[in-house]
Amino acid sequence: MVQIGDVFEEMLNHFNSGAAQGTNAVYQFNISGPQGGIWAFKIENGACDLIKGGVDAPSVEIALADADWMAIREGKLNSQMAFMQGKLKIKGDMNLAMKLQTMFPIS
């Protein structure tokens, strides 16, 4: 079984630095459930760093259950649908949240 921490590590390999040009932000994922935890991506000058445990003041916070996060990453759940259903909650800059899929395309 794939661990959620491994998914965040793998996301670094799929980071699209071109889509991140001009974006300086911290995206924090607050994942609940048995595999839950907090991970953040600090995006600055087209580069991305993963911060385990998160940060104090992220630009965007994304909260959801571990099973829903895995379903989104596996392409089994659309993130916009999850948001509409209340499974995915976003706090902070919604415009930044909308850019997330282009910076971390699901492959």
PDB file of N, CA and C in Angstrom:
ATOM      1  N   MET A   1       0.836  -1.189   0.000  1.00  0.00           N
ATOM      2  CA  MET A   1       0.000   0.000   0.000  1.00  0.00           C
ATOM      3  C   MET A   1       0.882   1.253   0.000  1.00  0.00           C
ATOM      4  N   VAL A   2       0.555   2.183  -0.866  1.00  0.00           N
ATOM      5  CA  VAL A   2       1.305   3.431  -0.967  1.00  0.00           C
ATOM      6  C   VAL A   2       1.011   4.310   0.250  1.00  0.00           C
ATOM      7  N   GLN A   3       2.050   4.848   0.835  1.00  0.00           N
ATOM      8  CA  GLN A   3       1.906   5.732   1.994  1.00  0.00           C
ATOM      9  C   GLN A   3       1.763   7.180   1.519  1.00  0.00           C
ATOM     10  N   ILE A   4       0.977   7.953   2.248  1.00  0.00           N
ATOM     11  CA  ILE A   4       0.728   9.331   1.848  1.00  0.00           C
ATOM     12  C   ILE A   4       2.019  10.152   1.802  1.00  0.00           C
ATOM     13  N   GLY A   5       2.902   9.944   2.749  1.00  0.00           N
ATOM     14  CA  GLY A   5       4.179  10.664   2.729  1.00  0.00           C
ATOM     15  C   GLY A   5       4.953  10.400   1.447  1.00  0.00           C
ATOM     16  N   ASP A   6       4.870   9.169   0.944  1.00  0.00           N
ATOM     17  CA  ASP A   6       5.540   8.828  -0.306  1.00  0.00           C
ATOM     18  C   ASP A   6       4.931   9.580  -1.485  1.00  0.00           C
ATOM     19  N   VAL A   7       3.619   9.797  -1.439  1.00  0.00           N
ATOM     20  CA  VAL A   7       2.931  10.530  -2.514  1.00  0.00           C
ATOM     21  C   VAL A   7       3.460  11.957  -2.581  1.00  0.00           C
ATOM     22  N   PHE A   8       3.628  12.595  -1.440  1.00  0.00           N
ATOM     23  CA  PHE A   8       4.152  13.966  -1.433  1.00  0.00           C
ATOM     24  C   PHE A   8       5.597  14.000  -1.944  1.00  0.00           C
ATOM     25  N   GLU A   9       6.394  13.009  -1.568  1.00  0.00           N
ATOM     26  CA  GLU A   9       7.769  12.919  -2.082  1.00  0.00           C
ATOM     27  C   GLU A   9       7.750  12.759  -3.608  1.00  0.00           C
ATOM     28  N   GLU A  10       6.860  11.912  -4.113  1.00  0.00           N
ATOM     29  CA  GLU A  10       6.759  11.662  -5.552  1.00  0.00           C
ATOM     30  C   GLU A  10       6.283  12.909  -6.293  1.00  0.00           C
ATOM     31  N   MET A  11       5.439  13.709  -5.658  1.00  0.00           N
ATOM     32  CA  MET A  11       4.950  14.930  -6.292  1.00  0.00           C
ATOM     33  C   MET A  11       6.099  15.863  -6.670  1.00  0.00           C
ATOM     34  N   LEU A  12       7.168  15.856  -5.882  1.00  0.00           N
ATOM     35  CA  LEU A  12       8.324  16.690  -6.208  1.00  0.00           C
ATOM     36  C   LEU A  12       8.888  16.331  -7.581  1.00  0.00           C
ATOM     37  N   ASN A  13       8.847  15.038  -7.945  1.00  0.00           N
ATOM     38  CA  ASN A  13       9.356  14.590  -9.245  1.00  0.00           C
ATOM     39  C   ASN A  13       8.492  15.074 -10.405  1.00  0.00           C
ATOM     40  N   HIS A  14       7.239  15.424 -10.126  1.00  0.00           N
ATOM     41  CA  HIS A  14       6.312  15.856 -11.169  1.00  0.00           C
ATOM     42  C   HIS A  14       6.067  17.362 -11.144  1.00  0.00           C
ATOM     43  N   PHE A  15       6.820  18.066 -10.309  1.00  0.00           N
ATOM     44  CA  PHE A  15       6.648  19.511 -10.185  1.00  0.00           C
ATOM     45  C   PHE A  15       6.957  20.189 -11.512  1.00  0.00           C
ATOM     46  N   ASN A  16       6.037  21.009 -11.980  1.00  0.00           N
ATOM     47  CA  ASN A  16       6.178  21.742 -13.242  1.00  0.00           C
ATOM     48  C   ASN A  16       6.665  23.157 -12.909  1.00  0.00           C
ATOM     49  N   SER A  17       7.980  23.352 -12.965  1.00  0.00           N
ATOM     50  CA  SER A  17       8.544  24.647 -12.581  1.00  0.00           C
ATOM     51  C   SER A  17       8.093  25.761 -13.522  1.00  0.00           C
ATOM     52  N   GLY A  18       7.824  25.426 -14.776  1.00  0.00           N
ATOM     53  CA  GLY A  18       7.336  26.433 -15.726  1.00  0.00           C
ATOM     54  C   GLY A  18       6.001  27.001 -15.303  1.00  0.00           C
ATOM     55  N   ALA A  19       5.119  26.138 -14.812  1.00  0.00           N
ATOM     56  CA  ALA A  19       3.796  26.588 -14.358  1.00  0.00           C
ATOM     57  C   ALA A  19       3.890  27.384 -13.060  1.00  0.00           C
ATOM     58  N   ALA A  20       4.993  27.227 -12.350  1.00  0.00           N
ATOM     59  CA  ALA A  20       5.164  27.904 -11.061  1.00  0.00           C
ATOM     60  C   ALA A  20       5.876  29.239 -11.172  1.00  0.00           C
ATOM     61  N   GLN A  21       6.326  29.612 -12.369  1.00  0.00           N
ATOM     62  CA  GLN A  21       7.038  30.888 -12.528  1.00  0.00           C
ATOM     63  C   GLN A  21       6.156  32.036 -12.017  1.00  0.00           C
ATOM     64  N   GLY A  22       6.742  32.893 -11.217  1.00  0.00           N
ATOM     65  CA  GLY A  22       6.016  34.036 -10.679  1.00  0.00           C
ATOM     66  C   GLY A  22       5.196  33.713  -9.441  1.00  0.00           C
ATOM     67  N   THR A  23       5.182  32.465  -9.023  1.00  0.00           N
ATOM     68  CA  THR A  23       4.423  32.068  -7.831  1.00  0.00           C
ATOM     69  C   THR A  23       5.380  31.903  -6.664  1.00  0.00           C
ATOM     70  N   ASN A  24       5.125  32.631  -5.607  1.00  0.00           N
ATOM     71  CA  ASN A  24       5.855  32.489  -4.356  1.00  0.00           C
ATOM     72  C   ASN A  24       4.810  32.255  -3.281  1.00  0.00           C
ATOM     73  N   ALA A  25       4.677  30.988  -2.888  1.00  0.00           N
ATOM     74  CA  ALA A  25       3.602  30.632  -1.968  1.00  0.00           C
ATOM     75  C   ALA A  25       3.938  29.336  -1.235  1.00  0.00           C
ATOM     76  N   VAL A  26       3.208  29.103  -0.159  1.00  0.00           N
ATOM     77  CA  VAL A  26       3.311  27.841   0.568  1.00  0.00           C
ATOM     78  C   VAL A  26       1.937  27.183   0.560  1.00  0.00           C
ATOM     79  N   TYR A  27       1.898  25.978   0.011  1.00  0.00           N
ATOM     80  CA  TYR A  27       0.688  25.160  -0.025  1.00  0.00           C
ATOM     81  C   TYR A  27       0.811  24.121   1.080  1.00  0.00           C
ATOM     82  N   GLN A  28      -0.117  24.136   2.017  1.00  0.00           N
ATOM     83  CA  GLN A  28      -0.070  23.182   3.117  1.00  0.00           C
ATOM     84  C   GLN A  28      -1.242  22.217   3.019  1.00  0.00           C
ATOM     85  N   PHE A  29      -0.935  20.936   3.167  1.00  0.00           N
ATOM     86  CA  PHE A  29      -1.943  19.876   3.137  1.00  0.00           C
ATOM     87  C   PHE A  29      -2.117  19.321   4.540  1.00  0.00           C
ATOM     88  N   ASN A  30      -3.323  19.454   5.077  1.00  0.00           N
ATOM     89  CA  ASN A  30      -3.664  18.912   6.384  1.00  0.00           C
ATOM     90  C   ASN A  30      -4.511  17.666   6.125  1.00  0.00           C
ATOM     91  N   ILE A  31      -3.887  16.504   6.249  1.00  0.00           N
ATOM     92  CA  ILE A  31      -4.533  15.245   5.922  1.00  0.00           C
ATOM     93  C   ILE A  31      -4.959  14.550   7.212  1.00  0.00           C
ATOM     94  N   SER A  32      -6.245  14.192   7.285  1.00  0.00           N
ATOM     95  CA  SER A  32      -6.757  13.483   8.457  1.00  0.00           C
ATOM     96  C   SER A  32      -6.858  11.992   8.142  1.00  0.00           C
ATOM     97  N   GLY A  33      -7.033  11.189   9.176  1.00  0.00           N
ATOM     98  CA  GLY A  33      -7.178   9.755   8.999  1.00  0.00           C
ATOM     99  C   GLY A  33      -5.937   9.005   9.459  1.00  0.00           C
ATOM    100  N   PRO A  34      -5.970   7.679   9.330  1.00  0.00           N
ATOM    101  CA  PRO A  34      -4.872   6.843   9.827  1.00  0.00           C
ATOM    102  C   PRO A  34      -3.501   7.192   9.233  1.00  0.00           C
ATOM    103  N   GLN A  35      -3.466   7.635   7.972  1.00  0.00           N
ATOM    104  CA  GLN A  35      -2.196   8.027   7.354  1.00  0.00           C
ATOM    105  C   GLN A  35      -1.992   9.540   7.384  1.00  0.00           C
ATOM    106  N   GLY A  36      -2.783  10.204   8.187  1.00  0.00           N
ATOM    107  CA  GLY A  36      -2.780  11.661   8.211  1.00  0.00           C
ATOM    108  C   GLY A  36      -1.465  12.272   8.652  1.00  0.00           C
ATOM    109  N   GLY A  37      -1.387  13.557   8.413  1.00  0.00           N
ATOM    110  CA  GLY A  37      -0.213  14.335   8.768  1.00  0.00           C
ATOM    111  C   GLY A  37      -0.294  15.682   8.073  1.00  0.00           C
ATOM    112  N   ILE A  38       0.754  16.441   8.197  1.00  0.00           N
ATOM    113  CA  ILE A  38       0.802  17.763   7.571  1.00  0.00           C
ATOM    114  C   ILE A  38       2.057  17.844   6.711  1.00  0.00           C
ATOM    115  N   TRP A  39       1.857  18.249   5.471  1.00  0.00           N
ATOM    116  CA  TRP A  39       2.947  18.444   4.520  1.00  0.00           C
ATOM    117  C   TRP A  39       2.729  19.791   3.839  1.00  0.00           C
ATOM    118  N   ALA A  40       3.813  20.460   3.510  1.00  0.00           N
ATOM    119  CA  ALA A  40       3.703  21.741   2.813  1.00  0.00           C
ATOM    120  C   ALA A  40       4.722  21.795   1.681  1.00  0.00           C
ATOM    121  N   PHE A  41       4.328  22.466   0.612  1.00  0.00           N
ATOM    122  CA  PHE A  41       5.233  22.745  -0.490  1.00  0.00           C
ATOM    123  C   PHE A  41       5.504  24.238  -0.490  1.00  0.00           C
ATOM    124  N   LYS A  42       6.774  24.603  -0.375  1.00  0.00           N
ATOM    125  CA  LYS A  42       7.176  26.005  -0.482  1.00  0.00           C
ATOM    126  C   LYS A  42       7.650  26.216  -1.912  1.00  0.00           C
ATOM    127  N   ILE A  43       6.942  27.057  -2.637  1.00  0.00           N
ATOM    128  CA  ILE A  43       7.259  27.330  -4.034  1.00  0.00           C
ATOM    129  C   ILE A  43       7.783  28.753  -4.128  1.00  0.00           C
ATOM    130  N   GLU A  44       8.992  28.863  -4.657  1.00  0.00           N
ATOM    131  CA  GLU A  44       9.634  30.168  -4.738  1.00  0.00           C
ATOM    132  C   GLU A  44      10.600  30.180  -5.915  1.00  0.00           C
ATOM    133  N   ASN A  45      10.458  31.179  -6.768  1.00  0.00           N
ATOM    134  CA  ASN A  45      11.352  31.351  -7.917  1.00  0.00           C
ATOM    135  C   ASN A  45      11.437  30.100  -8.791  1.00  0.00           C
ATOM    136  N   GLY A  46      10.304  29.422  -8.986  1.00  0.00           N
ATOM    137  CA  GLY A  46      10.266  28.244  -9.846  1.00  0.00           C
ATOM    138  C   GLY A  46      10.810  26.980  -9.213  1.00  0.00           C
ATOM    139  N   ALA A  47      11.165  27.040  -7.936  1.00  0.00           N
ATOM    140  CA  ALA A  47      11.681  25.866  -7.217  1.00  0.00           C
ATOM    141  C   ALA A  47      10.665  25.433  -6.170  1.00  0.00           C
ATOM    142  N   CYS A  48      10.759  24.172  -5.764  1.00  0.00           N
ATOM    143  CA  CYS A  48       9.802  23.636  -4.800  1.00  0.00           C
ATOM    144  C   CYS A  48      10.525  22.817  -3.743  1.00  0.00           C
ATOM    145  N   ASP A  49      10.172  23.058  -2.483  1.00  0.00           N
ATOM    146  CA  ASP A  49      10.703  22.284  -1.360  1.00  0.00           C
ATOM    147  C   ASP A  49       9.535  21.695  -0.587  1.00  0.00           C
ATOM    148  N   LEU A  50       9.689  20.452  -0.135  1.00  0.00           N
ATOM    149  CA  LEU A  50       8.690  19.789   0.686  1.00  0.00           C
ATOM    150  C   LEU A  50       9.059  19.982   2.151  1.00  0.00           C
ATOM    151  N   ILE A  51       8.079  20.419   2.948  1.00  0.00           N
ATOM    152  CA  ILE A  51       8.299  20.657   4.374  1.00  0.00           C
ATOM    153  C   ILE A  51       7.372  19.729   5.149  1.00  0.00           C
ATOM    154  N   LYS A  52       7.934  18.706   5.765  1.00  0.00           N
ATOM    155  CA  LYS A  52       7.139  17.787   6.580  1.00  0.00           C
ATOM    156  C   LYS A  52       6.782  18.484   7.883  1.00  0.00           C
ATOM    157  N   GLY A  53       5.532  18.398   8.274  1.00  0.00           N
ATOM    158  CA  GLY A  53       5.083  19.044   9.498  1.00  0.00           C
ATOM    159  C   GLY A  53       4.484  20.417   9.255  1.00  0.00           C
ATOM    160  N   GLY A  54       4.632  20.943   8.047  1.00  0.00           N
ATOM    161  CA  GLY A  54       3.989  22.206   7.690  1.00  0.00           C
ATOM    162  C   GLY A  54       4.704  23.434   8.207  1.00  0.00           C
ATOM    163  N   VAL A  55       4.012  24.557   8.068  1.00  0.00           N
ATOM    164  CA  VAL A  55       4.544  25.868   8.455  1.00  0.00           C
ATOM    165  C   VAL A  55       3.496  26.611   9.280  1.00  0.00           C
ATOM    166  N   ASP A  56       3.890  27.731   9.869  1.00  0.00           N
ATOM    167  CA  ASP A  56       2.967  28.505  10.705  1.00  0.00           C
ATOM    168  C   ASP A  56       1.942  29.293   9.910  1.00  0.00           C
ATOM    169  N   ALA A  57       2.328  29.848   8.780  1.00  0.00           N
ATOM    170  CA  ALA A  57       1.419  30.728   8.039  1.00  0.00           C
ATOM    171  C   ALA A  57       1.440  30.398   6.539  1.00  0.00           C
ATOM    172  N   PRO A  58       0.798  29.297   6.138  1.00  0.00           N
ATOM    173  CA  PRO A  58       0.783  28.961   4.710  1.00  0.00           C
ATOM    174  C   PRO A  58      -0.086  29.928   3.909  1.00  0.00           C
ATOM    175  N   SER A  59       0.190  30.032   2.623  1.00  0.00           N
ATOM    176  CA  SER A  59      -0.621  30.863   1.732  1.00  0.00           C
ATOM    177  C   SER A  59      -1.970  30.213   1.481  1.00  0.00           C
ATOM    178  N   VAL A  60      -1.955  28.877   1.395  1.00  0.00           N
ATOM    179  CA  VAL A  60      -3.168  28.097   1.148  1.00  0.00           C
ATOM    180  C   VAL A  60      -3.106  26.848   2.015  1.00  0.00           C
ATOM    181  N   GLU A  61      -4.229  26.529   2.673  1.00  0.00           N
ATOM    182  CA  GLU A  61      -4.346  25.281   3.420  1.00  0.00           C
ATOM    183  C   GLU A  61      -5.411  24.423   2.761  1.00  0.00           C
ATOM    184  N   ILE A  62      -5.052  23.170   2.522  1.00  0.00           N
ATOM    185  CA  ILE A  62      -5.967  22.225   1.905  1.00  0.00           C
ATOM    186  C   ILE A  62      -6.164  21.097   2.902  1.00  0.00           C
ATOM    187  N   ALA A  63      -7.411  20.869   3.298  1.00  0.00           N
ATOM    188  CA  ALA A  63      -7.708  19.846   4.294  1.00  0.00           C
ATOM    189  C   ALA A  63      -8.637  18.796   3.701  1.00  0.00           C
ATOM    190  N   LEU A  64      -8.286  17.529   3.914  1.00  0.00           N
ATOM    191  CA  LEU A  64      -9.125  16.423   3.480  1.00  0.00           C
ATOM    192  C   LEU A  64      -8.661  15.136   4.131  1.00  0.00           C
ATOM    193  N   ALA A  65      -9.473  14.101   4.004  1.00  0.00           N
ATOM    194  CA  ALA A  65      -9.164  12.792   4.577  1.00  0.00           C
ATOM    195  C   ALA A  65      -8.146  12.069   3.708  1.00  0.00           C
ATOM    196  N   ASP A  66      -7.390  11.186   4.341  1.00  0.00           N
ATOM    197  CA  ASP A  66      -6.361  10.442   3.626  1.00  0.00           C
ATOM    198  C   ASP A  66      -6.920   9.646   2.448  1.00  0.00           C
ATOM    199  N   ALA A  67      -8.057   8.994   2.611  1.00  0.00           N
ATOM    200  CA  ALA A  67      -8.642   8.193   1.527  1.00  0.00           C
ATOM    201  C   ALA A  67      -9.039   9.072   0.343  1.00  0.00           C
ATOM    202  N   ASP A  68      -9.562  10.256   0.628  1.00  0.00           N
ATOM    203  CA  ASP A  68      -9.953  11.171  -0.454  1.00  0.00           C
ATOM    204  C   ASP A  68      -8.720  11.711  -1.179  1.00  0.00           C
ATOM    205  N   TRP A  69      -7.663  12.019  -0.436  1.00  0.00           N
ATOM    206  CA  TRP A  69      -6.428  12.503  -1.056  1.00  0.00           C
ATOM    207  C   TRP A  69      -5.853  11.446  -1.995  1.00  0.00           C
ATOM    208  N   MET A  70      -5.825  10.202  -1.540  1.00  0.00           N
ATOM    209  CA  MET A  70      -5.297   9.131  -2.384  1.00  0.00           C
ATOM    210  C   MET A  70      -6.170   8.946  -3.629  1.00  0.00           C
ATOM    211  N   ALA A  71      -7.480   9.050  -3.476  1.00  0.00           N
ATOM    212  CA  ALA A  71      -8.387   8.910  -4.621  1.00  0.00           C
ATOM    213  C   ALA A  71      -8.147  10.026  -5.642  1.00  0.00           C
ATOM    214  N   ILE A  72      -7.878  11.234  -5.172  1.00  0.00           N
ATOM    215  CA  ILE A  72      -7.579  12.344  -6.082  1.00  0.00           C
ATOM    216  C   ILE A  72      -6.261  12.070  -6.811  1.00  0.00           C
ATOM    217  N   ARG A  73      -5.246  11.687  -6.088  1.00  0.00           N
ATOM    218  CA  ARG A  73      -3.935  11.437  -6.703  1.00  0.00           C
ATOM    219  C   ARG A  73      -3.969  10.275  -7.685  1.00  0.00           C
ATOM    220  N   GLU A  74      -4.857   9.303  -7.448  1.00  0.00           N
ATOM    221  CA  GLU A  74      -4.974   8.148  -8.348  1.00  0.00           C
ATOM    222  C   GLU A  74      -5.922   8.430  -9.515  1.00  0.00           C
ATOM    223  N   GLY A  75      -6.513   9.628  -9.546  1.00  0.00           N
ATOM    224  CA  GLY A  75      -7.418   9.981 -10.625  1.00  0.00           C
ATOM    225  C   GLY A  75      -8.807   9.391 -10.483  1.00  0.00           C
ATOM    226  N   LYS A  76      -9.130   8.890  -9.289  1.00  0.00           N
ATOM    227  CA  LYS A  76     -10.437   8.283  -9.051  1.00  0.00           C
ATOM    228  C   LYS A  76     -11.459   9.288  -8.517  1.00  0.00           C
ATOM    229  N   LEU A  77     -10.981  10.444  -8.052  1.00  0.00           N
ATOM    230  CA  LEU A  77     -11.849  11.493  -7.525  1.00  0.00           C
ATOM    231  C   LEU A  77     -11.363  12.823  -8.075  1.00  0.00           C
ATOM    232  N   ASN A  78     -12.254  13.569  -8.673  1.00  0.00           N
ATOM    233  CA  ASN A  78     -11.936  14.885  -9.203  1.00  0.00           C
ATOM    234  C   ASN A  78     -11.858  15.871  -8.036  1.00  0.00           C
ATOM    235  N   SER A  79     -10.785  16.650  -7.998  1.00  0.00           N
ATOM    236  CA  SER A  79     -10.597  17.567  -6.873  1.00  0.00           C
ATOM    237  C   SER A  79     -11.694  18.628  -6.796  1.00  0.00           C
ATOM    238  N   GLN A  80     -12.175  19.096  -7.939  1.00  0.00           N
ATOM    239  CA  GLN A  80     -13.253  20.087  -7.922  1.00  0.00           C
ATOM    240  C   GLN A  80     -14.542  19.475  -7.384  1.00  0.00           C
ATOM    241  N   MET A  81     -14.795  18.211  -7.746  1.00  0.00           N
ATOM    242  CA  MET A  81     -15.978  17.522  -7.229  1.00  0.00           C
ATOM    243  C   MET A  81     -15.847  17.305  -5.723  1.00  0.00           C
ATOM    244  N   ALA A  82     -14.648  16.939  -5.280  1.00  0.00           N
ATOM    245  CA  ALA A  82     -14.410  16.746  -3.850  1.00  0.00           C
ATOM    246  C   ALA A  82     -14.663  18.052  -3.089  1.00  0.00           C
ATOM    247  N   PHE A  83     -14.252  19.175  -3.678  1.00  0.00           N
ATOM    248  CA  PHE A  83     -14.483  20.481  -3.064  1.00  0.00           C
ATOM    249  C   PHE A  83     -15.982  20.760  -2.971  1.00  0.00           C
ATOM    250  N   MET A  84     -16.703  20.518  -4.073  1.00  0.00           N
ATOM    251  CA  MET A  84     -18.154  20.774  -4.104  1.00  0.00           C
ATOM    252  C   MET A  84     -18.903  19.892  -3.106  1.00  0.00           C
ATOM    253  N   GLN A  85     -18.392  18.683  -2.881  1.00  0.00           N
ATOM    254  CA  GLN A  85     -19.025  17.743  -1.954  1.00  0.00           C
ATOM    255  C   GLN A  85     -18.608  17.990  -0.505  1.00  0.00           C
ATOM    256  N   GLY A  86     -17.718  18.937  -0.282  1.00  0.00           N
ATOM    257  CA  GLY A  86     -17.262  19.249   1.069  1.00  0.00           C
ATOM    258  C   GLY A  86     -16.196  18.302   1.589  1.00  0.00           C
ATOM    259  N   LYS A  87     -15.671  17.437   0.724  1.00  0.00           N
ATOM    260  CA  LYS A  87     -14.619  16.513   1.142  1.00  0.00           C
ATOM    261  C   LYS A  87     -13.259  17.192   1.188  1.00  0.00           C
ATOM    262  N   LEU A  88     -13.093  18.231   0.393  1.00  0.00           N
ATOM    263  CA  LEU A  88     -11.845  18.982   0.301  1.00  0.00           C
ATOM    264  C   LEU A  88     -12.153  20.423   0.692  1.00  0.00           C
ATOM    265  N   LYS A  89     -11.438  20.916   1.689  1.00  0.00           N
ATOM    266  CA  LYS A  89     -11.661  22.283   2.157  1.00  0.00           C
ATOM    267  C   LYS A  89     -10.412  23.112   1.891  1.00  0.00           C
ATOM    268  N   ILE A  90     -10.639  24.334   1.437  1.00  0.00           N
ATOM    269  CA  ILE A  90      -9.530  25.228   1.117  1.00  0.00           C
ATOM    270  C   ILE A  90      -9.665  26.496   1.945  1.00  0.00           C
ATOM    271  N   LYS A  91      -8.551  26.887   2.562  1.00  0.00           N
ATOM    272  CA  LYS A  91      -8.512  28.112   3.350  1.00  0.00           C
ATOM    273  C   LYS A  91      -7.344  28.935   2.819  1.00  0.00           C
ATOM    274  N   GLY A  92      -7.603  30.197   2.528  1.00  0.00           N
ATOM    275  CA  GLY A  92      -6.535  31.049   2.013  1.00  0.00           C
ATOM    276  C   GLY A  92      -6.842  31.503   0.598  1.00  0.00           C
ATOM    277  N   ASP A  93      -5.801  31.754  -0.164  1.00  0.00           N
ATOM    278  CA  ASP A  93      -5.908  32.322  -1.503  1.00  0.00           C
ATOM    279  C   ASP A  93      -6.437  31.298  -2.506  1.00  0.00           C
ATOM    280  N   MET A  94      -7.683  31.463  -2.903  1.00  0.00           N
ATOM    281  CA  MET A  94      -8.329  30.520  -3.818  1.00  0.00           C
ATOM    282  C   MET A  94      -7.661  30.531  -5.197  1.00  0.00           C
ATOM    283  N   ASN A  95      -7.159  31.683  -5.642  1.00  0.00           N
ATOM    284  CA  ASN A  95      -6.471  31.742  -6.936  1.00  0.00           C
ATOM    285  C   ASN A  95      -5.212  30.866  -6.922  1.00  0.00           C
ATOM    286  N   LEU A  96      -4.495  30.885  -5.825  1.00  0.00           N
ATOM    287  CA  LEU A  96      -3.323  30.018  -5.708  1.00  0.00           C
ATOM    288  C   LEU A  96      -3.747  28.553  -5.719  1.00  0.00           C
ATOM    289  N   ALA A  97      -4.825  28.245  -5.033  1.00  0.00           N
ATOM    290  CA  ALA A  97      -5.307  26.863  -4.994  1.00  0.00           C
ATOM    291  C   ALA A  97      -5.629  26.357  -6.397  1.00  0.00           C
ATOM    292  N   MET A  98      -6.183  27.218  -7.238  1.00  0.00           N
ATOM    293  CA  MET A  98      -6.558  26.824  -8.594  1.00  0.00           C
ATOM    294  C   MET A  98      -5.319  26.482  -9.444  1.00  0.00           C
ATOM    295  N   LYS A  99      -4.165  27.034  -9.101  1.00  0.00           N
ATOM    296  CA  LYS A  99      -2.940  26.785  -9.868  1.00  0.00           C
ATOM    297  C   LYS A  99      -2.281  25.451  -9.523  1.00  0.00           C
ATOM    298  N   LEU A 100      -2.720  24.841  -8.453  1.00  0.00           N
ATOM    299  CA  LEU A 100      -2.056  23.652  -7.943  1.00  0.00           C
ATOM    300  C   LEU A 100      -1.979  22.523  -8.966  1.00  0.00           C
ATOM    301  N   GLN A 101      -3.062  22.266  -9.693  1.00  0.00           N
ATOM    302  CA  GLN A 101      -3.075  21.154 -10.638  1.00  0.00           C
ATOM    303  C   GLN A 101      -2.076  21.354 -11.780  1.00  0.00           C
ATOM    304  N   THR A 102      -1.846  22.578 -12.192  1.00  0.00           N
ATOM    305  CA  THR A 102      -0.889  22.805 -13.269  1.00  0.00           C
ATOM    306  C   THR A 102       0.548  22.672 -12.767  1.00  0.00           C
ATOM    307  N   MET A 103       0.779  22.968 -11.497  1.00  0.00           N
ATOM    308  CA  MET A 103       2.123  22.852 -10.951  1.00  0.00           C
ATOM    309  C   MET A 103       2.480  21.406 -10.591  1.00  0.00           C
ATOM    310  N   PHE A 104       1.458  20.622 -10.235  1.00  0.00           N
ATOM    311  CA  PHE A 104       1.659  19.227  -9.884  1.00  0.00           C
ATOM    312  C   PHE A 104       0.695  18.360 -10.685  1.00  0.00           C
ATOM    313  N   PRO A 105       0.939  18.213 -11.996  1.00  0.00           N
ATOM    314  CA  PRO A 105       0.021  17.412 -12.801  1.00  0.00           C
ATOM    315  C   PRO A 105       0.033  15.950 -12.372  1.00  0.00           C
ATOM    316  N   ILE A 106      -1.150  15.356 -12.365  1.00  0.00           N
ATOM    317  CA  ILE A 106      -1.251  13.927 -12.039  1.00  0.00           C
ATOM    318  C   ILE A 106      -0.866  13.159 -13.294  1.00  0.00           C
ATOM    319  N   SER A 107       0.098  12.268 -13.141  1.00  0.00           N
ATOM    320  CA  SER A 107       0.539  11.511 -14.320  1.00  0.00           C
ATOM    321  C   SER A 107       0.192  10.050 -14.188  1.00  0.00           C
TER     322      SER A 107
END
